[in-house]
Amino acid sequence: MRLNRFLAAAGVTSRRGADELIKSGRVTVNGKPCRDFHFQPAPTDYVKVDGKFVHQRTPVYILLNKPAGFVCTRRDSNTTDTIYDLLPPKFSSLAYVGRLDAQSEGLLLLTNDGNFAQRLTHPRFKIKKEYQVVLDRAATPDLAQKLLRGVVLDGKRARAKRVQQISPTRLCIMLEQGINRQIRRMLACFGFHAKKLTRVRMGNLRLHDLPRGKWRHLSTQEVRVIPSKTPVRLRSRDPAAVT
C-alpha cells in the first residue's frame, strides 16, 4: 500500500490531503522525512505525521439490511431516522457504499476501507447490483426491452444490464453503472412507479435471509471475492452499465 493510501486508510486525511502532507515533508518514516509518493510502508515501519504516530485502523466491513424510511446520512434536518440509528455507536464513523434512497431498502455495505469501497463503486470494475422491484401496475410487454435500451439521465445513457419479469408487477433488474435514483427515474420515463425497491445483491455479496433492520460482519472470504485489479476491457465500445 502506497504511503498516501496508508494515511487515508488510517483516517488521517484524504489521498489528496496525504499527497500534500508528503510533499510538504510533514510525514516521516522511521524518523526521516519521506517525500516518496511511491513508498510502501512495511509492517515494521513506523509512520508519523507532524510527530504523531499513525496507526493503521482495523478494517471493518458491515452488511446492513436497510429498511425503507431510513436515510443514508449521518445527519439530516428533515428526518430523525438514519442508517446509523440501526448500528452500534462504535460504527458511526463508517462510510456507506453505494447509497440507497430513503424509500428503497435492502443490501447496504458500510466500511472504513476506502479501497474496498472504491472497488465496489468505480465504473471500471462493473460490479453488478441486483434489485427486486414491485411496480404500481402491470408491466407492459415492451417494458423490459425499454429498460435494456435505456434512457438519457444526467447526460448519460442509463440502461439495465438485465431485466427478468417475475410476475405482472414484479421485476428483477440488474445494473452495472451508478446514477442517482436510476431505476426509479428510468421507470418514471416509461410511466411506471416503483412501489417497492429492494437491493438483494452487490457483486458476490447477497442479502440472503438477513432480517430487515439487522446487520452482520462480512466474512474474510466475502471481502476477498471483490476484485482488486482493473478488469481487462475487451470491447472499448461497451458502455458502463447502471446502479
C-alpha atoms as a PDB file:
ATOM      1  CA  MET A   1       0.000   0.000   0.000  1.00  0.00           C
ATOM      2  CA  ARG A   2       1.453   3.329  -1.042  1.00  0.00           C
ATOM      3  CA  LEU A   3       2.087   5.953   1.603  1.00  0.00           C
ATOM      4  CA  ASN A   4      -0.836   8.206   0.625  1.00  0.00           C
ATOM      5  CA  ARG A   5      -3.238   5.261   0.739  1.00  0.00           C
ATOM      6  CA  PHE A   6      -1.774   4.203   4.088  1.00  0.00           C
ATOM      7  CA  LEU A   7      -2.516   7.645   5.542  1.00  0.00           C
ATOM      8  CA  ALA A   8      -6.011   7.746   4.045  1.00  0.00           C
ATOM      9  CA  ALA A   9      -6.824   4.253   5.312  1.00  0.00           C
ATOM     10  CA  ALA A  10      -5.670   5.295   8.797  1.00  0.00           C
ATOM     11  CA  GLY A  11      -8.194   8.145   8.732  1.00  0.00           C
ATOM     12  CA  VAL A  12      -5.589  10.925   8.752  1.00  0.00           C
ATOM     13  CA  THR A  13      -6.890  12.656   5.625  1.00  0.00           C
ATOM     14  CA  SER A  14      -7.960  12.013   2.044  1.00  0.00           C
ATOM     15  CA  ARG A  15      -5.486  10.730  -0.540  1.00  0.00           C
ATOM     16  CA  ARG A  16      -5.098  14.228  -1.973  1.00  0.00           C
ATOM     17  CA  GLY A  17      -4.601  15.573   1.504  1.00  0.00           C
ATOM     18  CA  ALA A  18      -1.994  12.863   2.125  1.00  0.00           C
ATOM     19  CA  ASP A  19      -0.157  13.888  -1.030  1.00  0.00           C
ATOM     20  CA  GLU A  20       0.078  17.439   0.314  1.00  0.00           C
ATOM     21  CA  LEU A  21       1.375  16.202   3.674  1.00  0.00           C
ATOM     22  CA  ILE A  22       4.023  14.070   1.940  1.00  0.00           C
ATOM     23  CA  LYS A  23       5.010  16.899  -0.414  1.00  0.00           C
ATOM     24  CA  SER A  24       5.441  19.352   2.449  1.00  0.00           C
ATOM     25  CA  GLY A  25       7.688  16.961   4.384  1.00  0.00           C
ATOM     26  CA  ARG A  26       5.293  16.569   7.310  1.00  0.00           C
ATOM     27  CA  VAL A  27       5.371  12.779   7.015  1.00  0.00           C
ATOM     28  CA  THR A  28       8.266  10.804   8.464  1.00  0.00           C
ATOM     29  CA  VAL A  29       9.052   7.114   8.188  1.00  0.00           C
ATOM     30  CA  ASN A  30      11.360   5.648  10.822  1.00  0.00           C
ATOM     31  CA  GLY A  31      12.310   9.136  11.927  1.00  0.00           C
ATOM     32  CA  LYS A  32      13.191  10.547   8.498  1.00  0.00           C
ATOM     33  CA  PRO A  33      11.065  12.784   6.229  1.00  0.00           C
ATOM     34  CA  CYS A  34       9.595  10.815   3.315  1.00  0.00           C
ATOM     35  CA  ARG A  35       8.629  12.629   0.119  1.00  0.00           C
ATOM     36  CA  ASP A  36       8.485   9.479  -1.993  1.00  0.00           C
ATOM     37  CA  PHE A  37       4.876   9.133  -3.161  1.00  0.00           C
ATOM     38  CA  HIS A  38       5.541   5.544  -4.241  1.00  0.00           C
ATOM     39  CA  PHE A  39       6.941   4.401  -0.901  1.00  0.00           C
ATOM     40  CA  GLN A  40       5.078   1.471   0.620  1.00  0.00           C
ATOM     41  CA  PRO A  41       5.353   1.225   4.430  1.00  0.00           C
ATOM     42  CA  ALA A  42       6.167  -2.251   5.738  1.00  0.00           C
ATOM     43  CA  PRO A  43       4.606  -3.631   8.917  1.00  0.00           C
ATOM     44  CA  THR A  44       7.887  -2.933  10.724  1.00  0.00           C
ATOM     45  CA  ASP A  45       7.993   0.754   9.663  1.00  0.00           C
ATOM     46  CA  TYR A  46       6.646   3.446  11.939  1.00  0.00           C
ATOM     47  CA  VAL A  47       4.977   6.414  10.279  1.00  0.00           C
ATOM     48  CA  LYS A  48       4.387   9.834  11.850  1.00  0.00           C
ATOM     49  CA  VAL A  49       2.556  12.976  10.729  1.00  0.00           C
ATOM     50  CA  ASP A  50       3.685  16.157  12.472  1.00  0.00           C
ATOM     51  CA  GLY A  51       5.435  13.994  15.037  1.00  0.00           C
ATOM     52  CA  LYS A  52       2.402  11.859  15.900  1.00  0.00           C
ATOM     53  CA  PHE A  53       2.280   8.119  15.256  1.00  0.00           C
ATOM     54  CA  VAL A  54      -0.124   6.913  12.573  1.00  0.00           C
ATOM     55  CA  HIS A  55      -1.752   3.595  13.409  1.00  0.00           C
ATOM     56  CA  GLN A  56      -3.441   1.580  10.714  1.00  0.00           C
ATOM     57  CA  ARG A  57      -7.091   1.051  11.552  1.00  0.00           C
ATOM     58  CA  THR A  58      -8.531  -2.447  11.692  1.00  0.00           C
ATOM     59  CA  PRO A  59     -10.721  -2.799   8.575  1.00  0.00           C
ATOM     60  CA  VAL A  60     -14.429  -3.140   9.302  1.00  0.00           C
ATOM     61  CA  TYR A  61     -16.971  -4.464   6.783  1.00  0.00           C
ATOM     62  CA  ILE A  62     -20.677  -4.386   7.639  1.00  0.00           C
ATOM     63  CA  LEU A  63     -23.653  -5.632   5.628  1.00  0.00           C
ATOM     64  CA  LEU A  64     -26.940  -3.998   6.642  1.00  0.00           C
ATOM     65  CA  ASN A  65     -30.463  -4.857   5.515  1.00  0.00           C
ATOM     66  CA  LYS A  66     -31.728  -1.285   5.289  1.00  0.00           C
ATOM     67  CA  PRO A  67     -35.468  -0.799   5.874  1.00  0.00           C
ATOM     68  CA  ALA A  68     -37.495   1.790   3.963  1.00  0.00           C
ATOM     69  CA  GLY A  69     -37.723   5.149   5.706  1.00  0.00           C
ATOM     70  CA  PHE A  70     -34.093   5.331   6.827  1.00  0.00           C
ATOM     71  CA  VAL A  71     -31.781   7.871   5.196  1.00  0.00           C
ATOM     72  CA  CYS A  72     -28.173   7.212   4.150  1.00  0.00           C
ATOM     73  CA  THR A  73     -26.634  10.092   6.053  1.00  0.00           C
ATOM     74  CA  ARG A  74     -25.212  10.848   9.477  1.00  0.00           C
ATOM     75  CA  ARG A  75     -27.320  13.961   9.926  1.00  0.00           C
ATOM     76  CA  ASP A  76     -30.467  15.147   8.171  1.00  0.00           C
ATOM     77  CA  SER A  77     -32.558  18.052   9.429  1.00  0.00           C
ATOM     78  CA  ASN A  78     -35.639  16.615   7.713  1.00  0.00           C
ATOM     79  CA  THR A  79     -35.614  13.210   9.411  1.00  0.00           C
ATOM     80  CA  THR A  80     -34.672  11.545  12.656  1.00  0.00           C
ATOM     81  CA  ASP A  81     -34.167   8.073  11.164  1.00  0.00           C
ATOM     82  CA  THR A  82     -30.760   7.389   9.622  1.00  0.00           C
ATOM     83  CA  ILE A  83     -28.987   4.124   8.864  1.00  0.00           C
ATOM     84  CA  TYR A  84     -26.595   4.820  11.753  1.00  0.00           C
ATOM     85  CA  ASP A  85     -29.512   4.519  14.183  1.00  0.00           C
ATOM     86  CA  LEU A  86     -29.581   0.821  13.223  1.00  0.00           C
ATOM     87  CA  LEU A  87     -25.922   0.284  14.155  1.00  0.00           C
ATOM     88  CA  PRO A  88     -23.957   0.342  17.407  1.00  0.00           C
ATOM     89  CA  PRO A  89     -22.383   3.762  18.161  1.00  0.00           C
ATOM     90  CA  LYS A  90     -18.894   2.333  17.526  1.00  0.00           C
ATOM     91  CA  PHE A  91     -19.775   2.105  13.812  1.00  0.00           C
ATOM     92  CA  SER A  92     -20.870   5.737  13.475  1.00  0.00           C
ATOM     93  CA  SER A  93     -17.725   6.673  11.544  1.00  0.00           C
ATOM     94  CA  LEU A  94     -18.138   4.005   8.866  1.00  0.00           C
ATOM     95  CA  ALA A  95     -18.889   5.162   5.317  1.00  0.00           C
ATOM     96  CA  TYR A  96     -21.748   3.610   3.350  1.00  0.00           C
ATOM     97  CA  VAL A  97     -21.008   2.131  -0.067  1.00  0.00           C
ATOM     98  CA  GLY A  98     -23.485   2.853  -2.861  1.00  0.00           C
ATOM     99  CA  ARG A  99     -26.307   4.692  -1.132  1.00  0.00           C
ATOM    100  CA  LEU A 100     -29.983   3.735  -1.236  1.00  0.00           C
ATOM    101  CA  ASP A 101     -32.629   6.456  -1.248  1.00  0.00           C
ATOM    102  CA  ALA A 102     -34.901   6.813   1.771  1.00  0.00           C
ATOM    103  CA  GLN A 103     -37.751   4.659   0.434  1.00  0.00           C
ATOM    104  CA  SER A 104     -35.506   1.935  -1.028  1.00  0.00           C
ATOM    105  CA  GLU A 105     -34.372  -0.980   1.100  1.00  0.00           C
ATOM    106  CA  GLY A 106     -32.086  -3.966   1.150  1.00  0.00           C
ATOM    107  CA  LEU A 107     -28.362  -4.606   0.967  1.00  0.00           C
ATOM    108  CA  LEU A 108     -26.159  -1.732   2.102  1.00  0.00           C
ATOM    109  CA  LEU A 109     -22.446  -2.013   2.868  1.00  0.00           C
ATOM    110  CA  LEU A 110     -20.546   0.138   5.346  1.00  0.00           C
ATOM    111  CA  THR A 111     -16.775   0.165   5.811  1.00  0.00           C
ATOM    112  CA  ASN A 112     -13.716   2.173   6.839  1.00  0.00           C
ATOM    113  CA  ASP A 113     -11.728   0.622   3.958  1.00  0.00           C
ATOM    114  CA  GLY A 114     -11.671   3.213   1.186  1.00  0.00           C
ATOM    115  CA  ASN A 115     -10.069   0.863  -1.328  1.00  0.00           C
ATOM    116  CA  PHE A 116     -12.782  -1.735  -0.788  1.00  0.00           C
ATOM    117  CA  ALA A 117     -15.464   0.928  -1.271  1.00  0.00           C
ATOM    118  CA  GLN A 118     -13.839   2.174  -4.458  1.00  0.00           C
ATOM    119  CA  ARG A 119     -13.637  -1.320  -5.940  1.00  0.00           C
ATOM    120  CA  LEU A 120     -17.373  -1.715  -5.377  1.00  0.00           C
ATOM    121  CA  THR A 121     -18.416   1.650  -6.811  1.00  0.00           C
ATOM    122  CA  HIS A 122     -15.937   2.688  -9.511  1.00  0.00           C
ATOM    123  CA  PRO A 123     -17.423   2.182 -13.024  1.00  0.00           C
ATOM    124  CA  ARG A 124     -14.335   0.414 -14.362  1.00  0.00           C
ATOM    125  CA  PHE A 125     -14.948  -2.605 -12.122  1.00  0.00           C
ATOM    126  CA  LYS A 126     -18.510  -3.066 -13.412  1.00  0.00           C
ATOM    127  CA  ILE A 127     -19.808  -4.522 -10.168  1.00  0.00           C
ATOM    128  CA  LYS A 128     -23.306  -5.899 -10.737  1.00  0.00           C
ATOM    129  CA  LYS A 129     -26.160  -4.833  -8.465  1.00  0.00           C
ATOM    130  CA  GLU A 130     -29.439  -6.735  -8.405  1.00  0.00           C
ATOM    131  CA  TYR A 131     -32.775  -5.242  -7.387  1.00  0.00           C
ATOM    132  CA  GLN A 132     -36.254  -6.636  -6.805  1.00  0.00           C
ATOM    133  CA  VAL A 133     -38.871  -4.106  -7.935  1.00  0.00           C
ATOM    134  CA  VAL A 134     -42.623  -4.012  -7.326  1.00  0.00           C
ATOM    135  CA  LEU A 135     -44.448  -1.796  -9.853  1.00  0.00           C
ATOM    136  CA  ASP A 136     -47.583   0.249  -9.280  1.00  0.00           C
ATOM    137  CA  ARG A 137     -49.283  -1.563 -12.177  1.00  0.00           C
ATOM    138  CA  ALA A 138     -48.738  -4.474 -14.529  1.00  0.00           C
ATOM    139  CA  ALA A 139     -45.715  -4.133 -16.794  1.00  0.00           C
ATOM    140  CA  THR A 140     -46.313  -3.611 -20.489  1.00  0.00           C
ATOM    141  CA  PRO A 141     -44.905  -6.264 -22.860  1.00  0.00           C
ATOM    142  CA  ASP A 142     -42.154  -3.905 -24.038  1.00  0.00           C
ATOM    143  CA  LEU A 143     -41.057  -2.504 -20.649  1.00  0.00           C
ATOM    144  CA  ALA A 144     -38.111  -4.883 -20.227  1.00  0.00           C
ATOM    145  CA  GLN A 145     -36.739  -4.018 -23.678  1.00  0.00           C
ATOM    146  CA  LYS A 146     -37.129  -0.309 -22.971  1.00  0.00           C
ATOM    147  CA  LEU A 147     -35.144  -0.660 -19.753  1.00  0.00           C
ATOM    148  CA  LEU A 148     -32.428  -2.573 -21.602  1.00  0.00           C
ATOM    149  CA  ARG A 149     -32.221   0.072 -24.329  1.00  0.00           C
ATOM    150  CA  GLY A 150     -32.179   2.748 -21.670  1.00  0.00           C
ATOM    151  CA  VAL A 151     -32.795   6.474 -21.462  1.00  0.00           C
ATOM    152  CA  VAL A 152     -30.612   9.542 -21.056  1.00  0.00           C
ATOM    153  CA  LEU A 153     -30.247  10.633 -17.427  1.00  0.00           C
ATOM    154  CA  ASP A 154     -27.891  13.406 -16.347  1.00  0.00           C
ATOM    155  CA  GLY A 155     -26.404  13.421 -19.833  1.00  0.00           C
ATOM    156  CA  LYS A 156     -25.561   9.704 -19.746  1.00  0.00           C
ATOM    157  CA  ARG A 157     -27.137   6.641 -21.327  1.00  0.00           C
ATOM    158  CA  ALA A 158     -28.695   4.814 -18.388  1.00  0.00           C
ATOM    159  CA  ARG A 159     -29.788   1.266 -19.044  1.00  0.00           C
ATOM    160  CA  ALA A 160     -30.301  -2.022 -17.287  1.00  0.00           C
ATOM    161  CA  LYS A 161     -27.834  -4.848 -17.782  1.00  0.00           C
ATOM    162  CA  ARG A 162     -30.539  -7.500 -17.396  1.00  0.00           C
ATOM    163  CA  VAL A 163     -34.291  -7.491 -16.720  1.00  0.00           C
ATOM    164  CA  GLN A 164     -36.354 -10.502 -15.662  1.00  0.00           C
ATOM    165  CA  GLN A 165     -40.110 -10.352 -15.201  1.00  0.00           C
ATOM    166  CA  ILE A 166     -41.137 -12.397 -12.158  1.00  0.00           C
ATOM    167  CA  SER A 167     -44.852 -11.567 -12.220  1.00  0.00           C
ATOM    168  CA  PRO A 168     -47.058  -8.938 -13.905  1.00  0.00           C
ATOM    169  CA  THR A 169     -45.978  -6.323 -11.341  1.00  0.00           C
ATOM    170  CA  ARG A 170     -42.579  -7.659 -10.201  1.00  0.00           C
ATOM    171  CA  LEU A 171     -39.234  -7.283 -11.952  1.00  0.00           C
ATOM    172  CA  CYS A 172     -35.670  -8.312 -11.193  1.00  0.00           C
ATOM    173  CA  ILE A 173     -33.337  -5.632 -12.564  1.00  0.00           C
ATOM    174  CA  MET A 174     -29.544  -5.866 -12.737  1.00  0.00           C
ATOM    175  CA  LEU A 175     -27.394  -2.745 -13.085  1.00  0.00           C
ATOM    176  CA  GLU A 176     -23.699  -2.052 -13.546  1.00  0.00           C
ATOM    177  CA  GLN A 177     -23.438   1.721 -13.592  1.00  0.00           C
ATOM    178  CA  GLY A 178     -24.338   4.158 -10.837  1.00  0.00           C
ATOM    179  CA  ILE A 179     -26.686   7.066 -11.496  1.00  0.00           C
ATOM    180  CA  ASN A 180     -28.700   8.704  -8.732  1.00  0.00           C
ATOM    181  CA  ARG A 181     -32.118   7.014  -8.261  1.00  0.00           C
ATOM    182  CA  GLN A 182     -31.575   5.321 -11.606  1.00  0.00           C
ATOM    183  CA  ILE A 183     -34.221   2.601 -11.526  1.00  0.00           C
ATOM    184  CA  ARG A 184     -36.951   4.907 -10.219  1.00  0.00           C
ATOM    185  CA  ARG A 185     -36.129   7.580 -12.795  1.00  0.00           C
ATOM    186  CA  MET A 186     -35.944   5.100 -15.682  1.00  0.00           C
ATOM    187  CA  LEU A 187     -39.305   3.613 -14.749  1.00  0.00           C
ATOM    188  CA  ALA A 188     -40.813   7.095 -14.463  1.00  0.00           C
ATOM    189  CA  CYS A 189     -39.715   7.815 -18.036  1.00  0.00           C
ATOM    190  CA  PHE A 190     -41.946   4.932 -19.143  1.00  0.00           C
ATOM    191  CA  GLY A 191     -44.897   5.850 -16.940  1.00  0.00           C
ATOM    192  CA  PHE A 192     -44.263   3.476 -14.030  1.00  0.00           C
ATOM    193  CA  HIS A 193     -43.672   3.945 -10.316  1.00  0.00           C
ATOM    194  CA  ALA A 194     -41.636   1.625  -8.091  1.00  0.00           C
ATOM    195  CA  LYS A 195     -43.854   0.885  -5.079  1.00  0.00           C
ATOM    196  CA  LYS A 196     -41.044  -1.156  -3.527  1.00  0.00           C
ATOM    197  CA  LEU A 197     -37.370  -1.369  -4.477  1.00  0.00           C
ATOM    198  CA  THR A 198     -35.003  -3.775  -2.731  1.00  0.00           C
ATOM    199  CA  ARG A 199     -31.308  -4.338  -3.453  1.00  0.00           C
ATOM    200  CA  VAL A 200     -30.588  -8.040  -2.919  1.00  0.00           C
ATOM    201  CA  ARG A 201     -27.089  -8.400  -4.383  1.00  0.00           C
ATOM    202  CA  MET A 202     -23.920  -6.358  -4.881  1.00  0.00           C
ATOM    203  CA  GLY A 203     -21.138  -8.206  -6.665  1.00  0.00           C
ATOM    204  CA  ASN A 204     -20.933 -11.610  -4.982  1.00  0.00           C
ATOM    205  CA  LEU A 205     -22.454 -10.289  -1.760  1.00  0.00           C
ATOM    206  CA  ARG A 206     -26.075 -11.276  -1.165  1.00  0.00           C
ATOM    207  CA  LEU A 207     -28.721 -10.245   1.305  1.00  0.00           C
ATOM    208  CA  HIS A 208     -29.989 -13.822   1.795  1.00  0.00           C
ATOM    209  CA  ASP A 209     -32.210 -14.145   4.884  1.00  0.00           C
ATOM    210  CA  LEU A 210     -30.756 -11.301   6.973  1.00  0.00           C
ATOM    211  CA  PRO A 211     -33.773  -9.736   8.758  1.00  0.00           C
ATOM    212  CA  ARG A 212     -34.770  -6.193   7.867  1.00  0.00           C
ATOM    213  CA  GLY A 213     -33.014  -3.643  10.048  1.00  0.00           C
ATOM    214  CA  LYS A 214     -30.300  -6.117  11.107  1.00  0.00           C
ATOM    215  CA  TRP A 215     -26.612  -6.206  10.234  1.00  0.00           C
ATOM    216  CA  ARG A 216     -23.676  -8.589  10.191  1.00  0.00           C
ATOM    217  CA  HIS A 217     -19.922  -8.546   9.573  1.00  0.00           C
ATOM    218  CA  LEU A 218     -18.658  -9.725   6.203  1.00  0.00           C
ATOM    219  CA  SER A 219     -16.526 -12.834   6.329  1.00  0.00           C
ATOM    220  CA  THR A 220     -12.898 -12.763   5.194  1.00  0.00           C
ATOM    221  CA  GLN A 221     -13.885 -14.840   2.188  1.00  0.00           C
ATOM    222  CA  GLU A 222     -16.621 -12.371   1.205  1.00  0.00           C
ATOM    223  CA  VAL A 223     -14.182  -9.451   1.345  1.00  0.00           C
ATOM    224  CA  ARG A 224     -11.658 -11.309  -0.805  1.00  0.00           C
ATOM    225  CA  VAL A 225     -14.073 -12.050  -3.658  1.00  0.00           C
ATOM    226  CA  ILE A 226     -14.342  -8.350  -4.528  1.00  0.00           C
ATOM    227  CA  PRO A 227     -11.952  -7.703  -7.468  1.00  0.00           C
ATOM    228  CA  SER A 228      -8.743  -5.904  -6.564  1.00  0.00           C
ATOM    229  CA  LYS A 229      -7.438  -5.213 -10.062  1.00  0.00           C
ATOM    230  CA  THR A 230      -8.821  -3.321 -13.015  1.00  0.00           C
ATOM    231  CA  PRO A 231     -10.513  -5.823 -15.365  1.00  0.00           C
ATOM    232  CA  VAL A 232      -9.297  -6.185 -18.920  1.00  0.00           C
ATOM    233  CA  ARG A 233     -11.540  -4.262 -21.300  1.00  0.00           C
ATOM    234  CA  LEU A 234     -12.232  -6.481 -24.262  1.00  0.00           C
ATOM    235  CA  ARG A 235     -14.610  -4.101 -26.017  1.00  0.00           C
ATOM    236  CA  SER A 236     -13.882  -0.394 -25.797  1.00  0.00           C
ATOM    237  CA  ARG A 237     -17.339   0.482 -27.137  1.00  0.00           C
ATOM    238  CA  ASP A 238     -19.198  -1.429 -24.480  1.00  0.00           C
ATOM    239  CA  PRO A 239     -20.757   1.273 -22.237  1.00  0.00           C
ATOM    240  CA  ALA A 240     -20.598   1.130 -18.476  1.00  0.00           C
ATOM    241  CA  ALA A 241     -23.914  -0.046 -17.057  1.00  0.00           C
ATOM    242  CA  VAL A 242     -26.216   1.199 -14.290  1.00  0.00           C
ATOM    243  CA  THR A 243     -26.672   1.373 -10.467  1.00  0.00           C
END
